[in-house]
C-alpha atoms as a PDB file:
ATOM      1  CA  MET A   1      -2.360 -26.319 -11.376  1.00  0.00           C
ATOM      2  CA  HIS A   2       1.427 -26.655 -11.015  1.00  0.00           C
ATOM      3  CA  SER A   3       1.966 -24.224 -13.873  1.00  0.00           C
ATOM      4  CA  ASN A   4      -0.235 -21.606 -12.164  1.00  0.00           C
ATOM      5  CA  THR A   5       1.724 -21.955  -8.928  1.00  0.00           C
ATOM      6  CA  LEU A   6       5.040 -21.562 -10.723  1.00  0.00           C
ATOM      7  CA  GLN A   7       3.729 -18.422 -12.415  1.00  0.00           C
ATOM      8  CA  LYS A   8       2.658 -16.993  -9.067  1.00  0.00           C
ATOM      9  CA  ILE A   9       6.226 -17.298  -7.732  1.00  0.00           C
ATOM     10  CA  GLY A  10       7.692 -15.474 -10.711  1.00  0.00           C
ATOM     11  CA  LEU A  11       8.063 -17.800 -13.703  1.00  0.00           C
ATOM     12  CA  SER A  12       6.489 -16.910 -17.030  1.00  0.00           C
ATOM     13  CA  LYS A  13       3.923 -19.212 -18.628  1.00  0.00           C
ATOM     14  CA  ALA A  14       6.520 -20.524 -21.119  1.00  0.00           C
ATOM     15  CA  GLU A  15       9.124 -21.029 -18.361  1.00  0.00           C
ATOM     16  CA  SER A  16       6.608 -23.022 -16.339  1.00  0.00           C
ATOM     17  CA  ARG A  17       5.667 -25.207 -19.330  1.00  0.00           C
ATOM     18  CA  ILE A  18       9.255 -25.999 -20.210  1.00  0.00           C
ATOM     19  CA  TYR A  19      10.357 -26.673 -16.624  1.00  0.00           C
ATOM     20  CA  LEU A  20       7.437 -29.063 -16.019  1.00  0.00           C
ATOM     21  CA  ALA A  21       8.045 -30.761 -19.380  1.00  0.00           C
ATOM     22  CA  LEU A  22      11.707 -31.346 -18.523  1.00  0.00           C
ATOM     23  CA  LEU A  23      10.769 -32.851 -15.167  1.00  0.00           C
ATOM     24  CA  GLU A  24       8.794 -35.496 -17.053  1.00  0.00           C
ATOM     25  CA  LEU A  25      11.140 -35.944 -20.009  1.00  0.00           C
ATOM     26  CA  GLY A  26      14.472 -35.997 -18.223  1.00  0.00           C
ATOM     27  CA  SER A  27      17.625 -35.054 -20.142  1.00  0.00           C
ATOM     28  CA  VAL A  28      16.594 -34.239 -23.727  1.00  0.00           C
ATOM     29  CA  PRO A  29      17.709 -32.037 -26.646  1.00  0.00           C
ATOM     30  CA  SER A  30      15.856 -28.823 -27.422  1.00  0.00           C
ATOM     31  CA  GLY A  31      14.006 -30.404 -30.357  1.00  0.00           C
ATOM     32  CA  ARG A  32      12.257 -32.814 -27.998  1.00  0.00           C
ATOM     33  CA  ILE A  33      11.170 -29.852 -25.846  1.00  0.00           C
ATOM     34  CA  VAL A  34       9.741 -28.132 -28.931  1.00  0.00           C
ATOM     35  CA  GLU A  35       7.720 -31.259 -29.732  1.00  0.00           C
ATOM     36  CA  GLU A  36       6.456 -31.625 -26.181  1.00  0.00           C
ATOM     37  CA  THR A  37       5.476 -27.987 -25.540  1.00  0.00           C
ATOM     38  CA  GLY A  38       4.458 -26.838 -29.020  1.00  0.00           C
ATOM     39  CA  LEU A  39       6.541 -23.690 -28.585  1.00  0.00           C
ATOM     40  CA  ARG A  40       8.732 -22.225 -31.324  1.00  0.00           C
ATOM     41  CA  LYS A  41      12.349 -23.305 -31.360  1.00  0.00           C
ATOM     42  CA  SER A  42      13.549 -19.711 -30.899  1.00  0.00           C
ATOM     43  CA  THR A  43      11.203 -19.301 -27.912  1.00  0.00           C
ATOM     44  CA  VAL A  44      12.421 -22.548 -26.354  1.00  0.00           C
ATOM     45  CA  TYR A  45      16.074 -21.466 -26.606  1.00  0.00           C
ATOM     46  CA  GLU A  46      15.303 -18.052 -25.133  1.00  0.00           C
ATOM     47  CA  VAL A  47      13.314 -19.540 -22.258  1.00  0.00           C
ATOM     48  CA  LEU A  48      15.948 -22.200 -21.543  1.00  0.00           C
ATOM     49  CA  GLY A  49      18.469 -19.371 -21.162  1.00  0.00           C
ATOM     50  CA  ARG A  50      16.264 -17.642 -18.581  1.00  0.00           C
ATOM     51  CA  LEU A  51      15.694 -20.896 -16.704  1.00  0.00           C
ATOM     52  CA  ARG A  52      19.462 -21.508 -16.593  1.00  0.00           C
ATOM     53  CA  GLU A  53      19.925 -18.027 -15.093  1.00  0.00           C
ATOM     54  CA  LYS A  54      17.360 -18.922 -12.437  1.00  0.00           C
ATOM     55  CA  GLY A  55      19.188 -22.163 -11.704  1.00  0.00           C
ATOM     56  CA  LEU A  56      16.194 -24.260 -12.715  1.00  0.00           C
ATOM     57  CA  VAL A  57      17.720 -25.883 -15.823  1.00  0.00           C
ATOM     58  CA  SER A  58      21.176 -27.270 -16.609  1.00  0.00           C
ATOM     59  CA  HIS A  59      22.663 -28.887 -19.702  1.00  0.00           C
ATOM     60  CA  ILE A  60      25.296 -31.397 -20.713  1.00  0.00           C
ATOM     61  CA  ILE A  61      26.797 -32.335 -24.093  1.00  0.00           C
ATOM     62  CA  LYS A  62      25.949 -35.827 -25.377  1.00  0.00           C
ATOM     63  CA  LYS A  63      27.439 -36.866 -28.702  1.00  0.00           C
ATOM     64  CA  GLY A  64      28.041 -33.241 -29.603  1.00  0.00           C
ATOM     65  CA  MET A  65      24.473 -32.153 -28.805  1.00  0.00           C
ATOM     66  CA  LYS A  66      23.177 -30.137 -25.857  1.00  0.00           C
ATOM     67  CA  HIS A  67      20.764 -32.008 -23.624  1.00  0.00           C
ATOM     68  CA  PHE A  68      18.730 -30.046 -21.116  1.00  0.00           C
ATOM     69  CA  ASP A  69      17.568 -31.229 -17.732  1.00  0.00           C
ATOM     70  CA  ALA A  70      15.349 -29.714 -15.030  1.00  0.00           C
ATOM     71  CA  ALA A  71      16.880 -28.948 -11.653  1.00  0.00           C
ATOM     72  CA  ARG A  72      15.477 -30.835  -8.668  1.00  0.00           C
ATOM     73  CA  PRO A  73      12.182 -29.279  -7.470  1.00  0.00           C
ATOM     74  CA  GLU A  74      13.768 -28.218  -4.161  1.00  0.00           C
ATOM     75  CA  ARG A  75      15.742 -25.683  -6.213  1.00  0.00           C
ATOM     76  CA  ILE A  76      12.479 -23.695  -6.450  1.00  0.00           C
ATOM     77  CA  LEU A  77      12.801 -22.875  -2.731  1.00  0.00           C
ATOM     78  CA  ASP A  78      16.360 -21.630  -3.306  1.00  0.00           C
ATOM     79  CA  TYR A  79      15.074 -19.487  -6.171  1.00  0.00           C
ATOM     80  CA  LEU A  80      12.433 -17.928  -3.896  1.00  0.00           C
ATOM     81  CA  ALA A  81      15.016 -17.259  -1.176  1.00  0.00           C
ATOM     82  CA  GLU A  82      17.218 -15.454  -3.718  1.00  0.00           C
ATOM     83  CA  LYS A  83      14.225 -13.373  -4.858  1.00  0.00           C
ATOM     84  CA  ARG A  84      13.536 -12.373  -1.255  1.00  0.00           C
ATOM     85  CA  ARG A  85      17.151 -11.283  -0.772  1.00  0.00           C
ATOM     86  CA  GLU A  86      17.024  -9.250  -3.991  1.00  0.00           C
ATOM     87  CA  LEU A  87      13.738  -7.649  -2.940  1.00  0.00           C
ATOM     88  CA  SER A  88      15.166  -6.771   0.470  1.00  0.00           C
ATOM     89  CA  ASN A  89      18.187  -5.114  -1.162  1.00  0.00           C
ATOM     90  CA  GLN A  90      15.940  -3.214  -3.568  1.00  0.00           C
ATOM     91  CA  GLU A  91      13.779  -2.009  -0.685  1.00  0.00           C
ATOM     92  CA  GLU A  92      16.845  -0.676   1.164  1.00  0.00           C
ATOM     93  CA  GLU A  93      17.990   1.138  -1.973  1.00  0.00           C
ATOM     94  CA  ALA A  94      14.482   2.549  -2.521  1.00  0.00           C
ATOM     95  CA  GLN A  95      14.307   3.821   1.079  1.00  0.00           C
ATOM     96  CA  LYS A  96      17.642   5.607   0.672  1.00  0.00           C
ATOM     97  CA  LEU A  97      16.499   7.042  -2.659  1.00  0.00           C
ATOM     98  CA  VAL A  98      13.247   8.337  -1.165  1.00  0.00           C
ATOM     99  CA  SER A  99      15.167   9.897   1.736  1.00  0.00           C
ATOM    100  CA  ASP A 100      17.571  11.663  -0.634  1.00  0.00           C
ATOM    101  CA  LEU A 101      14.753  12.883  -2.881  1.00  0.00           C
ATOM    102  CA  GLU A 102      12.770  14.177   0.092  1.00  0.00           C
ATOM    103  CA  LYS A 103      15.776  16.305   1.089  1.00  0.00           C
ATOM    104  CA  ILE A 104      15.922  17.776  -2.407  1.00  0.00           C
ATOM    105  CA  ASN A 105      12.170  18.338  -2.400  1.00  0.00           C
ATOM    106  CA  ALA A 106      12.304  20.152   0.943  1.00  0.00           C
ATOM    107  CA  LEU A 107      14.593  22.843  -0.502  1.00  0.00           C
ATOM    108  CA  ARG A 108      11.851  24.411  -2.634  1.00  0.00           C
ATOM    109  CA  PRO A 109       8.586  26.104  -1.660  1.00  0.00           C
ATOM    110  CA  HIS A 110       6.062  23.350  -1.384  1.00  0.00           C
ATOM    111  CA  ALA A 111       2.398  23.432  -2.277  1.00  0.00           C
ATOM    112  CA  GLU A 112       0.373  20.626  -3.760  1.00  0.00           C
ATOM    113  CA  ALA A 113      -3.290  19.964  -4.384  1.00  0.00           C
ATOM    114  CA  HIS A 114      -4.859  16.568  -5.003  1.00  0.00           C
ATOM    115  CA  VAL A 115      -8.363  15.208  -5.467  1.00  0.00           C
ATOM    116  CA  LEU A 116      -8.948  11.693  -4.140  1.00  0.00           C
ATOM    117  CA  GLU A 117     -12.231  10.104  -5.128  1.00  0.00           C
ATOM    118  CA  GLY A 118     -14.328   7.363  -3.606  1.00  0.00           C
ATOM    119  CA  ILE A 119     -13.566   4.774  -0.957  1.00  0.00           C
ATOM    120  CA  GLU A 120     -10.102   3.945  -2.347  1.00  0.00           C
ATOM    121  CA  GLY A 121      -9.197   7.633  -2.478  1.00  0.00           C
ATOM    122  CA  PHE A 122     -10.285   8.024   1.137  1.00  0.00           C
ATOM    123  CA  LYS A 123      -8.155   5.015   2.139  1.00  0.00           C
ATOM    124  CA  THR A 124      -5.169   6.613   0.376  1.00  0.00           C
ATOM    125  CA  MET A 125      -5.682   9.748   2.471  1.00  0.00           C
ATOM    126  CA  ARG A 126      -5.898   7.761   5.704  1.00  0.00           C
ATOM    127  CA  ARG A 127      -2.675   5.882   4.887  1.00  0.00           C
ATOM    128  CA  HIS A 128      -1.102   9.267   4.195  1.00  0.00           C
ATOM    129  CA  VAL A 129      -2.089  10.309   7.733  1.00  0.00           C
ATOM    130  CA  LEU A 130      -0.147   7.353   9.184  1.00  0.00           C
ATOM    131  CA  ARG A 131       2.994   8.359   7.279  1.00  0.00           C
ATOM    132  CA  ASN A 132       2.817  12.146   7.614  1.00  0.00           C
ATOM    133  CA  SER A 133       0.847  13.091  10.752  1.00  0.00           C
ATOM    134  CA  LYS A 134       3.887  14.047  12.874  1.00  0.00           C
ATOM    135  CA  GLY A 135       2.068  12.545  15.849  1.00  0.00           C
ATOM    136  CA  GLU A 136      -1.236  14.424  15.631  1.00  0.00           C
ATOM    137  CA  HIS A 137      -4.404  14.255  13.561  1.00  0.00           C
ATOM    138  CA  LEU A 138      -7.112  16.911  14.032  1.00  0.00           C
ATOM    139  CA  LEU A 139     -10.643  16.822  12.621  1.00  0.00           C
ATOM    140  CA  ILE A 140     -13.342  19.509  12.488  1.00  0.00           C
ATOM    141  CA  GLY A 141     -16.983  18.661  11.808  1.00  0.00           C
ATOM    142  CA  ALA A 142     -16.565  14.886  11.877  1.00  0.00           C
ATOM    143  CA  ILE A 143     -19.673  12.772  11.260  1.00  0.00           C
ATOM    144  CA  SER A 144     -18.062   9.464  12.292  1.00  0.00           C
ATOM    145  CA  LYS A 145     -19.271   7.135   9.571  1.00  0.00           C
ATOM    146  CA  GLU A 146     -16.111   5.630   8.074  1.00  0.00           C
ATOM    147  CA  ASN A 147     -16.169   2.701  10.524  1.00  0.00           C
ATOM    148  CA  GLU A 148     -19.634   1.894   9.124  1.00  0.00           C
ATOM    149  CA  VAL A 149     -18.706   2.331   5.446  1.00  0.00           C
ATOM    150  CA  MET A 150     -15.324   0.530   5.597  1.00  0.00           C
ATOM    151  CA  PRO A 151     -15.219  -1.325   8.939  1.00  0.00           C
ATOM    152  CA  ALA A 152     -12.295  -3.670   8.194  1.00  0.00           C
ATOM    153  CA  PHE A 153     -10.061  -0.894   6.874  1.00  0.00           C
ATOM    154  CA  PHE A 154     -10.959   1.493   9.683  1.00  0.00           C
ATOM    155  CA  GLY A 155     -10.253  -1.182  12.303  1.00  0.00           C
ATOM    156  CA  TRP A 156      -6.790  -1.731  10.811  1.00  0.00           C
ATOM    157  CA  TRP A 157      -6.140   2.011  10.486  1.00  0.00           C
ATOM    158  CA  ASN A 158      -7.134   2.807  14.067  1.00  0.00           C
ATOM    159  CA  LYS A 159      -4.876   0.044  15.406  1.00  0.00           C
ATOM    160  CA  GLU A 160      -1.967   1.383  13.341  1.00  0.00           C
ATOM    161  CA  ARG A 161      -2.705   4.909  14.593  1.00  0.00           C
ATOM    162  CA  GLN A 162      -2.508   3.771  18.201  1.00  0.00           C
ATOM    163  CA  LYS A 163       0.594   1.688  17.508  1.00  0.00           C
ATOM    164  CA  LYS A 164       2.302   4.786  16.069  1.00  0.00           C
ATOM    165  CA  LYS A 165       0.991   6.863  19.029  1.00  0.00           C
ATOM    166  CA  ILE A 166      -0.768   9.353  16.752  1.00  0.00           C
ATOM    167  CA  LYS A 167      -3.052  11.490  18.901  1.00  0.00           C
ATOM    168  CA  ILE A 168      -6.413  12.114  17.288  1.00  0.00           C
ATOM    169  CA  LYS A 169      -8.531  15.059  18.441  1.00  0.00           C
ATOM    170  CA  ILE A 170     -11.983  15.342  16.927  1.00  0.00           C
ATOM    171  CA  LEU A 171     -14.499  18.161  16.953  1.00  0.00           C
ATOM    172  CA  HIS A 172     -17.633  16.200  16.127  1.00  0.00           C
ATOM    173  CA  LYS A 173     -20.886  17.478  14.766  1.00  0.00           C
ATOM    174  CA  GLN A 174     -23.782  17.122  17.194  1.00  0.00           C
ATOM    175  CA  SER A 175     -25.249  14.423  14.946  1.00  0.00           C
ATOM    176  CA  ALA A 176     -22.285  12.195  15.802  1.00  0.00           C
ATOM    177  CA  ARG A 177     -23.250  11.916  19.484  1.00  0.00           C
ATOM    178  CA  GLY A 178     -23.740   8.285  20.448  1.00  0.00           C
ATOM    179  CA  LYS A 179     -21.775   6.936  17.480  1.00  0.00           C
ATOM    180  CA  GLN A 180     -18.924   4.513  18.169  1.00  0.00           C
ATOM    181  CA  MET A 181     -16.219   6.765  16.733  1.00  0.00           C
ATOM    182  CA  ALA A 182     -17.183   9.467  19.237  1.00  0.00           C
ATOM    183  CA  THR A 183     -16.387   7.229  22.228  1.00  0.00           C
ATOM    184  CA  PRO A 184     -12.976   6.629  23.848  1.00  0.00           C
ATOM    185  CA  LYS A 185     -13.895   2.989  24.461  1.00  0.00           C
ATOM    186  CA  PHE A 186     -14.152   2.352  20.705  1.00  0.00           C
ATOM    187  CA  MET A 187     -11.324   4.635  19.550  1.00  0.00           C
ATOM    188  CA  GLY A 188      -8.801   3.470  22.128  1.00  0.00           C
ATOM    189  CA  ASP A 189      -5.602   5.242  23.158  1.00  0.00           C
ATOM    190  CA  HIS A 190      -4.480   8.748  22.170  1.00  0.00           C
ATOM    191  CA  PHE A 191      -8.021   9.979  21.507  1.00  0.00           C
ATOM    192  CA  GLU A 192     -10.019  13.049  22.585  1.00  0.00           C
ATOM    193  CA  THR A 193     -13.299  14.460  21.339  1.00  0.00           C
ATOM    194  CA  ARG A 194     -15.579  17.426  21.817  1.00  0.00           C
ATOM    195  CA  PHE A 195     -18.784  18.499  20.093  1.00  0.00           C
ATOM    196  CA  LEU A 196     -19.477  21.559  18.020  1.00  0.00           C
ATOM    197  CA  PRO A 197     -22.676  23.504  18.710  1.00  0.00           C
ATOM    198  CA  ASP A 198     -25.660  22.925  16.428  1.00  0.00           C
ATOM    199  CA  SER A 199     -25.161  26.401  14.973  1.00  0.00           C
ATOM    200  CA  VAL A 200     -21.778  25.390  13.508  1.00  0.00           C
ATOM    201  CA  GLU A 201     -22.561  23.490  10.338  1.00  0.00           C
ATOM    202  CA  SER A 202     -20.429  22.622   7.331  1.00  0.00           C
ATOM    203  CA  PRO A 203     -20.833  20.036   4.557  1.00  0.00           C
ATOM    204  CA  ALA A 204     -17.128  19.176   4.774  1.00  0.00           C
ATOM    205  CA  VAL A 205     -15.065  17.334   7.364  1.00  0.00           C
ATOM    206  CA  ILE A 206     -11.710  19.063   7.765  1.00  0.00           C
ATOM    207  CA  ASN A 207      -8.651  16.898   8.454  1.00  0.00           C
ATOM    208  CA  ILE A 208      -5.423  18.573   9.627  1.00  0.00           C
ATOM    209  CA  TYR A 209      -2.158  16.646   9.974  1.00  0.00           C
ATOM    210  CA  GLY A 210       1.480  17.303   9.244  1.00  0.00           C
ATOM    211  CA  ASP A 211       1.608  19.841   6.422  1.00  0.00           C
ATOM    212  CA  CYS A 212      -1.772  18.730   5.073  1.00  0.00           C
ATOM    213  CA  VAL A 213      -5.351  19.951   5.127  1.00  0.00           C
ATOM    214  CA  VAL A 214      -7.932  17.610   3.626  1.00  0.00           C
ATOM    215  CA  ASN A 215     -11.564  18.574   3.155  1.00  0.00           C
ATOM    216  CA  VAL A 216     -13.785  15.515   2.831  1.00  0.00           C
ATOM    217  CA  LEU A 217     -17.265  15.748   1.358  1.00  0.00           C
ATOM    218  CA  TRP A 218     -19.543  12.758   1.903  1.00  0.00           C
ATOM    219  CA  LYS A 219     -22.367  12.052  -0.538  1.00  0.00           C
ATOM    220  CA  ASN A 220     -24.237   9.098   0.885  1.00  0.00           C
ATOM    221  CA  ASP A 221     -21.419   6.579   1.457  1.00  0.00           C
ATOM    222  CA  GLN A 222     -19.058   8.003  -1.164  1.00  0.00           C
ATOM    223  CA  PRO A 223     -16.324  10.415   0.007  1.00  0.00           C
ATOM    224  CA  LEU A 224     -14.543  13.027  -2.080  1.00  0.00           C
ATOM    225  CA  CYS A 225     -11.256  14.322  -0.647  1.00  0.00           C
ATOM    226  CA  PHE A 226      -9.608  17.648  -1.523  1.00  0.00           C
ATOM    227  CA  MET A 227      -6.033  17.537  -0.232  1.00  0.00           C
ATOM    228  CA  LEU A 228      -3.853  20.643   0.110  1.00  0.00           C
ATOM    229  CA  ILE A 229      -0.235  20.238   1.164  1.00  0.00           C
ATOM    230  CA  ASN A 230       1.316  23.437   2.492  1.00  0.00           C
ATOM    231  CA  LYS A 231       2.857  24.019   5.915  1.00  0.00           C
ATOM    232  CA  GLU A 232       1.650  27.608   6.375  1.00  0.00           C
ATOM    233  CA  ILE A 233      -1.944  26.737   5.520  1.00  0.00           C
ATOM    234  CA  ALA A 234      -1.895  23.640   7.738  1.00  0.00           C
ATOM    235  CA  ASP A 235      -0.541  25.707  10.647  1.00  0.00           C
ATOM    236  CA  SER A 236      -3.287  28.324  10.181  1.00  0.00           C
ATOM    237  CA  TYR A 237      -5.942  25.606  10.311  1.00  0.00           C
ATOM    238  CA  ARG A 238      -4.345  24.302  13.513  1.00  0.00           C
ATOM    239  CA  HIS A 239      -4.829  27.714  15.112  1.00  0.00           C
ATOM    240  CA  TYR A 240      -8.454  27.647  13.959  1.00  0.00           C
ATOM    241  CA  PHE A 241      -8.857  24.169  15.466  1.00  0.00           C
ATOM    242  CA  ASP A 242      -7.275  25.238  18.781  1.00  0.00           C
ATOM    243  CA  TYR A 243      -9.658  28.198  18.997  1.00  0.00           C
ATOM    244  CA  LEU A 244     -12.706  25.983  18.449  1.00  0.00           C
ATOM    245  CA  TRP A 245     -11.339  23.371  20.854  1.00  0.00           C
ATOM    246  CA  LYS A 246     -11.160  25.912  23.653  1.00  0.00           C
ATOM    247  CA  LEU A 247     -14.664  27.208  22.860  1.00  0.00           C
ATOM    248  CA  THR A 248     -16.108  23.692  23.117  1.00  0.00           C
ATOM    249  CA  ALA A 249     -14.371  22.815  26.409  1.00  0.00           C
ATOM    250  CA  GLN A 250     -17.703  22.619  28.254  1.00  0.00           C
ATOM    251  CA  SER A 251     -19.675  20.807  25.537  1.00  0.00           C
END
């Protein structure tokens, strides 16, 4: 059990075995560690080096021979704190890198197409909305079923949408009347909806946000998303949405 916990916080299986063995053995030469763990001598030396770097093992010389000893268990908390600091620094560097790369990427004509399959693909698209919506998410032909298919994820997503003040405007199909996602009470802040006439029918739900247009086809409870990233196309779909929105003002 202790070995599994040590592995979860970042130690390898061999590092965990040797550290726990040293806690029981006390200060011993490497040969005693080999006997206790059953690991090869070369592996033991390599792992002891890594544990020293982590501050979890030290050594002293006794009668001309190295004896290794485990650091006090509280050192594990120091090790975790150092890992958190390193991770925080790496995250800052990654954010700067992404920002710099986005600037380079913006200099060239941009058009991408992606296919996202299944529930996980749909979730990827919805997370993409939170990062790239530029404050507005438009839908045409919505059937309002994702809160039924993935209720926990949709609940989280809708809270994040409201927290980020992303306005969602939905042109629902008539079949969506009475569903929770078609009601302001359920959807919360920054939400408007209207209903398309029965004569307007399409198998796809069109999502428009940022520079993206995503057509979603639902087959039973399995979505298939076709994502197109291009500013000019997204803007043209926005004009199409605005036209339909005005037509449905009295619906």
